[in-house]
């Protein structure tokens, strides 16, 4: 049986906090609305491939992470 995988909203909040970024700062950096970051962190919205690439480019880990 496979171990549970961390969801994007949990990882995103941690990555953002580690860098001391507000939701607004991250949203501006990747070109999305501030609410989108909140939705992603809460898991009420799944990142599109475009947003996933932007987040990966900004934070550095591969998209699969």
PDB file of N, CA and C in Angstrom:
ATOM      1  N   UNK A   1       0.833  -1.182   0.000  1.00  0.00           N
ATOM      2  CA  UNK A   1       0.000   0.000   0.000  1.00  0.00           C
ATOM      3  C   UNK A   1       0.876   1.243   0.000  1.00  0.00           C
ATOM      4  N   UNK A   2       0.517   2.228  -0.827  1.00  0.00           N
ATOM      5  CA  UNK A   2       1.316   3.450  -0.954  1.00  0.00           C
ATOM      6  C   UNK A   2       1.010   4.428   0.176  1.00  0.00           C
ATOM      7  N   UNK A   3       2.032   5.158   0.645  1.00  0.00           N
ATOM      8  CA  UNK A   3       1.781   6.171   1.666  1.00  0.00           C
ATOM      9  C   UNK A   3       1.026   7.346   1.052  1.00  0.00           C
ATOM     10  N   UNK A   4       0.258   8.075   1.860  1.00  0.00           N
ATOM     11  CA  UNK A   4      -0.473   9.221   1.313  1.00  0.00           C
ATOM     12  C   UNK A   4       0.494  10.280   0.790  1.00  0.00           C
ATOM     13  N   UNK A   5       0.094  10.933  -0.281  1.00  0.00           N
ATOM     14  CA  UNK A   5       0.908  11.972  -0.906  1.00  0.00           C
ATOM     15  C   UNK A   5       0.431  13.324  -0.404  1.00  0.00           C
ATOM     16  N   UNK A   6       1.374  14.222  -0.082  1.00  0.00           N
ATOM     17  CA  UNK A   6       1.006  15.575   0.348  1.00  0.00           C
ATOM     18  C   UNK A   6       0.317  16.290  -0.806  1.00  0.00           C
ATOM     19  N   UNK A   7      -0.757  16.970  -0.510  1.00  0.00           N
ATOM     20  CA  UNK A   7      -1.486  17.684  -1.550  1.00  0.00           C
ATOM     21  C   UNK A   7      -0.864  19.045  -1.791  1.00  0.00           C
ATOM     22  N   UNK A   8      -1.152  19.618  -2.956  1.00  0.00           N
ATOM     23  CA  UNK A   8      -0.535  20.884  -3.346  1.00  0.00           C
ATOM     24  C   UNK A   8      -0.851  22.009  -2.372  1.00  0.00           C
ATOM     25  N   UNK A   9      -2.065  22.043  -1.835  1.00  0.00           N
ATOM     26  CA  UNK A   9      -2.388  23.149  -0.941  1.00  0.00           C
ATOM     27  C   UNK A   9      -1.552  23.119   0.329  1.00  0.00           C
ATOM     28  N   UNK A  10      -1.233  21.942   0.846  1.00  0.00           N
ATOM     29  CA  UNK A  10      -0.387  21.852   2.033  1.00  0.00           C
ATOM     30  C   UNK A  10       1.040  22.251   1.715  1.00  0.00           C
ATOM     31  N   UNK A  11       1.566  21.784   0.635  1.00  0.00           N
ATOM     32  CA  UNK A  11       2.943  22.100   0.244  1.00  0.00           C
ATOM     33  C   UNK A  11       3.090  23.576  -0.116  1.00  0.00           C
ATOM     34  N   UNK A  12       2.108  24.115  -0.785  1.00  0.00           N
ATOM     35  CA  UNK A  12       2.181  25.505  -1.218  1.00  0.00           C
ATOM     36  C   UNK A  12       2.253  26.447  -0.020  1.00  0.00           C
ATOM     37  N   UNK A  13       1.438  26.207   0.972  1.00  0.00           N
ATOM     38  CA  UNK A  13       1.438  27.068   2.157  1.00  0.00           C
ATOM     39  C   UNK A  13       2.794  27.008   2.862  1.00  0.00           C
ATOM     40  N   UNK A  14       3.359  25.820   2.953  1.00  0.00           N
ATOM     41  CA  UNK A  14       4.664  25.653   3.603  1.00  0.00           C
ATOM     42  C   UNK A  14       5.750  26.364   2.802  1.00  0.00           C
ATOM     43  N   UNK A  15       5.765  26.156   1.490  1.00  0.00           N
ATOM     44  CA  UNK A  15       6.767  26.819   0.654  1.00  0.00           C
ATOM     45  C   UNK A  15       6.669  28.330   0.757  1.00  0.00           C
ATOM     46  N   UNK A  16       5.461  28.836   0.759  1.00  0.00           N
ATOM     47  CA  UNK A  16       5.246  30.287   0.851  1.00  0.00           C
ATOM     48  C   UNK A  16       5.718  30.802   2.212  1.00  0.00           C
ATOM     49  N   UNK A  17       5.377  30.092   3.270  1.00  0.00           N
ATOM     50  CA  UNK A  17       5.764  30.505   4.626  1.00  0.00           C
ATOM     51  C   UNK A  17       7.279  30.465   4.815  1.00  0.00           C
ATOM     52  N   UNK A  18       7.921  29.450   4.261  1.00  0.00           N
ATOM     53  CA  UNK A  18       9.387  29.339   4.379  1.00  0.00           C
ATOM     54  C   UNK A  18      10.101  30.542   3.783  1.00  0.00           C
ATOM     55  N   UNK A  19       9.486  31.133   2.792  1.00  0.00           N
ATOM     56  CA  UNK A  19      10.095  32.297   2.127  1.00  0.00           C
ATOM     57  C   UNK A  19       9.567  33.625   2.651  1.00  0.00           C
ATOM     58  N   UNK A  20       8.688  33.555   3.634  1.00  0.00           N
ATOM     59  CA  UNK A  20       8.155  34.765   4.249  1.00  0.00           C
ATOM     60  C   UNK A  20       7.290  35.598   3.315  1.00  0.00           C
ATOM     61  N   UNK A  21       6.591  34.931   2.408  1.00  0.00           N
ATOM     62  CA  UNK A  21       5.757  35.623   1.427  1.00  0.00           C
ATOM     63  C   UNK A  21       4.307  35.680   1.877  1.00  0.00           C
ATOM     64  N   UNK A  22       3.649  36.778   1.573  1.00  0.00           N
ATOM     65  CA  UNK A  22       2.207  36.850   1.764  1.00  0.00           C
ATOM     66  C   UNK A  22       1.547  36.217   0.544  1.00  0.00           C
ATOM     67  N   UNK A  23       0.264  35.944   0.671  1.00  0.00           N
ATOM     68  CA  UNK A  23      -0.468  35.419  -0.487  1.00  0.00           C
ATOM     69  C   UNK A  23      -0.419  36.426  -1.634  1.00  0.00           C
ATOM     70  N   UNK A  24      -0.548  37.683  -1.305  1.00  0.00           N
ATOM     71  CA  UNK A  24      -0.519  38.734  -2.334  1.00  0.00           C
ATOM     72  C   UNK A  24       0.827  38.758  -3.064  1.00  0.00           C
ATOM     73  N   UNK A  25       1.916  38.671  -2.317  1.00  0.00           N
ATOM     74  CA  UNK A  25       3.247  38.697  -2.936  1.00  0.00           C
ATOM     75  C   UNK A  25       3.436  37.509  -3.880  1.00  0.00           C
ATOM     76  N   UNK A  26       3.018  36.336  -3.443  1.00  0.00           N
ATOM     77  CA  UNK A  26       3.145  35.157  -4.300  1.00  0.00           C
ATOM     78  C   UNK A  26       2.260  35.297  -5.534  1.00  0.00           C
ATOM     79  N   UNK A  27       1.039  35.758  -5.336  1.00  0.00           N
ATOM     80  CA  UNK A  27       0.117  35.938  -6.460  1.00  0.00           C
ATOM     81  C   UNK A  27       0.701  36.895  -7.497  1.00  0.00           C
ATOM     82  N   UNK A  28       1.259  37.999  -7.044  1.00  0.00           N
ATOM     83  CA  UNK A  28       1.857  38.964  -7.971  1.00  0.00           C
ATOM     84  C   UNK A  28       3.059  38.365  -8.681  1.00  0.00           C
ATOM     85  N   UNK A  29       3.848  37.580  -7.960  1.00  0.00           N
ATOM     86  CA  UNK A  29       5.056  36.987  -8.546  1.00  0.00           C
ATOM     87  C   UNK A  29       4.736  36.006  -9.667  1.00  0.00           C
ATOM     88  N   UNK A  30       3.614  35.291  -9.549  1.00  0.00           N
ATOM     89  CA  UNK A  30       3.291  34.297 -10.585  1.00  0.00           C
ATOM     90  C   UNK A  30       2.156  34.748 -11.497  1.00  0.00           C
ATOM     91  N   UNK A  31       1.619  35.941 -11.238  1.00  0.00           N
ATOM     92  CA  UNK A  31       0.620  36.504 -12.146  1.00  0.00           C
ATOM     93  C   UNK A  31      -0.779  35.945 -12.009  1.00  0.00           C
ATOM     94  N   UNK A  32      -1.201  35.686 -10.770  1.00  0.00           N
ATOM     95  CA  UNK A  32      -2.571  35.233 -10.539  1.00  0.00           C
ATOM     96  C   UNK A  32      -3.221  36.118  -9.486  1.00  0.00           C
ATOM     97  N   UNK A  33      -4.509  35.923  -9.268  1.00  0.00           N
ATOM     98  CA  UNK A  33      -5.248  36.660  -8.254  1.00  0.00           C
ATOM     99  C   UNK A  33      -4.884  36.125  -6.875  1.00  0.00           C
ATOM    100  N   UNK A  34      -4.883  37.007  -5.889  1.00  0.00           N
ATOM    101  CA  UNK A  34      -4.584  36.603  -4.512  1.00  0.00           C
ATOM    102  C   UNK A  34      -5.521  35.503  -4.035  1.00  0.00           C
ATOM    103  N   UNK A  35      -6.784  35.573  -4.425  1.00  0.00           N
ATOM    104  CA  UNK A  35      -7.751  34.555  -4.018  1.00  0.00           C
ATOM    105  C   UNK A  35      -7.368  33.176  -4.552  1.00  0.00           C
ATOM    106  N   UNK A  36      -6.758  33.138  -5.717  1.00  0.00           N
ATOM    107  CA  UNK A  36      -6.339  31.859  -6.295  1.00  0.00           C
ATOM    108  C   UNK A  36      -5.358  31.155  -5.371  1.00  0.00           C
ATOM    109  N   UNK A  37      -4.426  31.899  -4.792  1.00  0.00           N
ATOM    110  CA  UNK A  37      -3.456  31.305  -3.867  1.00  0.00           C
ATOM    111  C   UNK A  37      -4.179  30.730  -2.653  1.00  0.00           C
ATOM    112  N   UNK A  38      -5.145  31.462  -2.126  1.00  0.00           N
ATOM    113  CA  UNK A  38      -5.928  30.966  -0.999  1.00  0.00           C
ATOM    114  C   UNK A  38      -6.680  29.699  -1.343  1.00  0.00           C
ATOM    115  N   UNK A  39      -7.299  29.677  -2.516  1.00  0.00           N
ATOM    116  CA  UNK A  39      -8.034  28.483  -2.952  1.00  0.00           C
ATOM    117  C   UNK A  39      -7.100  27.281  -3.083  1.00  0.00           C
ATOM    118  N   UNK A  40      -5.917  27.514  -3.641  1.00  0.00           N
ATOM    119  CA  UNK A  40      -4.949  26.431  -3.792  1.00  0.00           C
ATOM    120  C   UNK A  40      -4.497  25.907  -2.431  1.00  0.00           C
ATOM    121  N   UNK A  41      -4.222  26.814  -1.513  1.00  0.00           N
ATOM    122  CA  UNK A  41      -3.754  26.401  -0.190  1.00  0.00           C
ATOM    123  C   UNK A  41      -4.828  25.641   0.589  1.00  0.00           C
ATOM    124  N   UNK A  42      -6.066  26.005   0.416  1.00  0.00           N
ATOM    125  CA  UNK A  42      -7.164  25.318   1.111  1.00  0.00           C
ATOM    126  C   UNK A  42      -7.600  24.043   0.397  1.00  0.00           C
ATOM    127  N   UNK A  43      -7.157  23.865  -0.832  1.00  0.00           N
ATOM    128  CA  UNK A  43      -7.522  22.679  -1.583  1.00  0.00           C
ATOM    129  C   UNK A  43      -8.889  22.761  -2.234  1.00  0.00           C
ATOM    130  N   UNK A  44      -9.458  23.967  -2.321  1.00  0.00           N
ATOM    131  CA  UNK A  44     -10.758  24.125  -2.970  1.00  0.00           C
ATOM    132  C   UNK A  44     -10.611  24.348  -4.466  1.00  0.00           C
ATOM    133  N   UNK A  45      -9.373  24.440  -4.935  1.00  0.00           N
ATOM    134  CA  UNK A  45      -9.085  24.644  -6.353  1.00  0.00           C
ATOM    135  C   UNK A  45      -7.834  23.859  -6.674  1.00  0.00           C
ATOM    136  N   UNK A  46      -7.836  23.163  -7.778  1.00  0.00           N
ATOM    137  CA  UNK A  46      -6.659  22.423  -8.225  1.00  0.00           C
ATOM    138  C   UNK A  46      -5.935  23.249  -9.275  1.00  0.00           C
ATOM    139  N   UNK A  47      -4.649  23.364  -9.124  1.00  0.00           N
ATOM    140  CA  UNK A  47      -3.862  24.180 -10.040  1.00  0.00           C
ATOM    141  C   UNK A  47      -3.938  23.654 -11.468  1.00  0.00           C
ATOM    142  N   UNK A  48      -4.123  24.583 -12.399  1.00  0.00           N
ATOM    143  CA  UNK A  48      -4.038  24.210 -13.810  1.00  0.00           C
ATOM    144  C   UNK A  48      -2.580  23.907 -14.119  1.00  0.00           C
ATOM    145  N   UNK A  49      -2.339  23.309 -15.240  1.00  0.00           N
ATOM    146  CA  UNK A  49      -0.964  22.998 -15.638  1.00  0.00           C
ATOM    147  C   UNK A  49      -0.144  24.282 -15.741  1.00  0.00           C
ATOM    148  N   UNK A  50      -0.746  25.340 -16.270  1.00  0.00           N
ATOM    149  CA  UNK A  50      -0.058  26.625 -16.397  1.00  0.00           C
ATOM    150  C   UNK A  50       0.373  27.154 -15.027  1.00  0.00           C
ATOM    151  N   UNK A  51      -0.541  27.134 -14.062  1.00  0.00           N
ATOM    152  CA  UNK A  51      -0.208  27.631 -12.720  1.00  0.00           C
ATOM    153  C   UNK A  51       0.811  26.715 -12.058  1.00  0.00           C
ATOM    154  N   UNK A  52       0.688  25.421 -12.260  1.00  0.00           N
ATOM    155  CA  UNK A  52       1.658  24.481 -11.695  1.00  0.00           C
ATOM    156  C   UNK A  52       3.061  24.770 -12.221  1.00  0.00           C
ATOM    157  N   UNK A  53       3.183  25.056 -13.513  1.00  0.00           N
ATOM    158  CA  UNK A  53       4.489  25.406 -14.080  1.00  0.00           C
ATOM    159  C   UNK A  53       5.016  26.704 -13.481  1.00  0.00           C
ATOM    160  N   UNK A  54       4.151  27.692 -13.316  1.00  0.00           N
ATOM    161  CA  UNK A  54       4.577  28.970 -12.725  1.00  0.00           C
ATOM    162  C   UNK A  54       5.073  28.773 -11.295  1.00  0.00           C
ATOM    163  N   UNK A  55       4.338  27.987 -10.510  1.00  0.00           N
ATOM    164  CA  UNK A  55       4.748  27.726  -9.131  1.00  0.00           C
ATOM    165  C   UNK A  55       6.066  26.965  -9.086  1.00  0.00           C
ATOM    166  N   UNK A  56       6.206  25.991  -9.958  1.00  0.00           N
ATOM    167  CA  UNK A  56       7.439  25.218 -10.010  1.00  0.00           C
ATOM    168  C   UNK A  56       8.625  26.098 -10.369  1.00  0.00           C
ATOM    169  N   UNK A  57       8.428  26.970 -11.324  1.00  0.00           N
ATOM    170  CA  UNK A  57       9.504  27.875 -11.731  1.00  0.00           C
ATOM    171  C   UNK A  57       9.862  28.838 -10.598  1.00  0.00           C
ATOM    172  N   UNK A  58       8.853  29.317  -9.893  1.00  0.00           N
ATOM    173  CA  UNK A  58       9.088  30.267  -8.814  1.00  0.00           C
ATOM    174  C   UNK A  58       9.793  29.623  -7.623  1.00  0.00           C
ATOM    175  N   UNK A  59       9.295  28.445  -7.182  1.00  0.00           N
ATOM    176  CA  UNK A  59       9.833  27.813  -5.991  1.00  0.00           C
ATOM    177  C   UNK A  59      10.995  26.871  -6.260  1.00  0.00           C
ATOM    178  N   UNK A  60      11.103  26.350  -7.463  1.00  0.00           N
ATOM    179  CA  UNK A  60      12.230  25.511  -7.794  1.00  0.00           C
ATOM    180  C   UNK A  60      11.998  24.015  -7.850  1.00  0.00           C
ATOM    181  N   UNK A  61      11.135  23.419  -7.007  1.00  0.00           N
ATOM    182  CA  UNK A  61      10.991  21.956  -7.104  1.00  0.00           C
ATOM    183  C   UNK A  61      10.276  21.535  -8.372  1.00  0.00           C
ATOM    184  N   UNK A  62      10.512  20.306  -8.819  1.00  0.00           N
ATOM    185  CA  UNK A  62       9.808  19.819 -10.011  1.00  0.00           C
ATOM    186  C   UNK A  62       8.305  19.800  -9.786  1.00  0.00           C
ATOM    187  N   UNK A  63       7.544  19.866 -10.842  1.00  0.00           N
ATOM    188  CA  UNK A  63       6.079  19.886 -10.747  1.00  0.00           C
ATOM    189  C   UNK A  63       5.568  18.656 -10.015  1.00  0.00           C
ATOM    190  N   UNK A  64       6.184  17.521 -10.224  1.00  0.00           N
ATOM    191  CA  UNK A  64       5.743  16.288  -9.562  1.00  0.00           C
ATOM    192  C   UNK A  64       5.811  16.400  -8.051  1.00  0.00           C
ATOM    193  N   UNK A  65       6.700  17.253  -7.553  1.00  0.00           N
ATOM    194  CA  UNK A  65       6.826  17.428  -6.096  1.00  0.00           C
ATOM    195  C   UNK A  65       5.657  18.233  -5.575  1.00  0.00           C
TER     196      UNK A  65
END
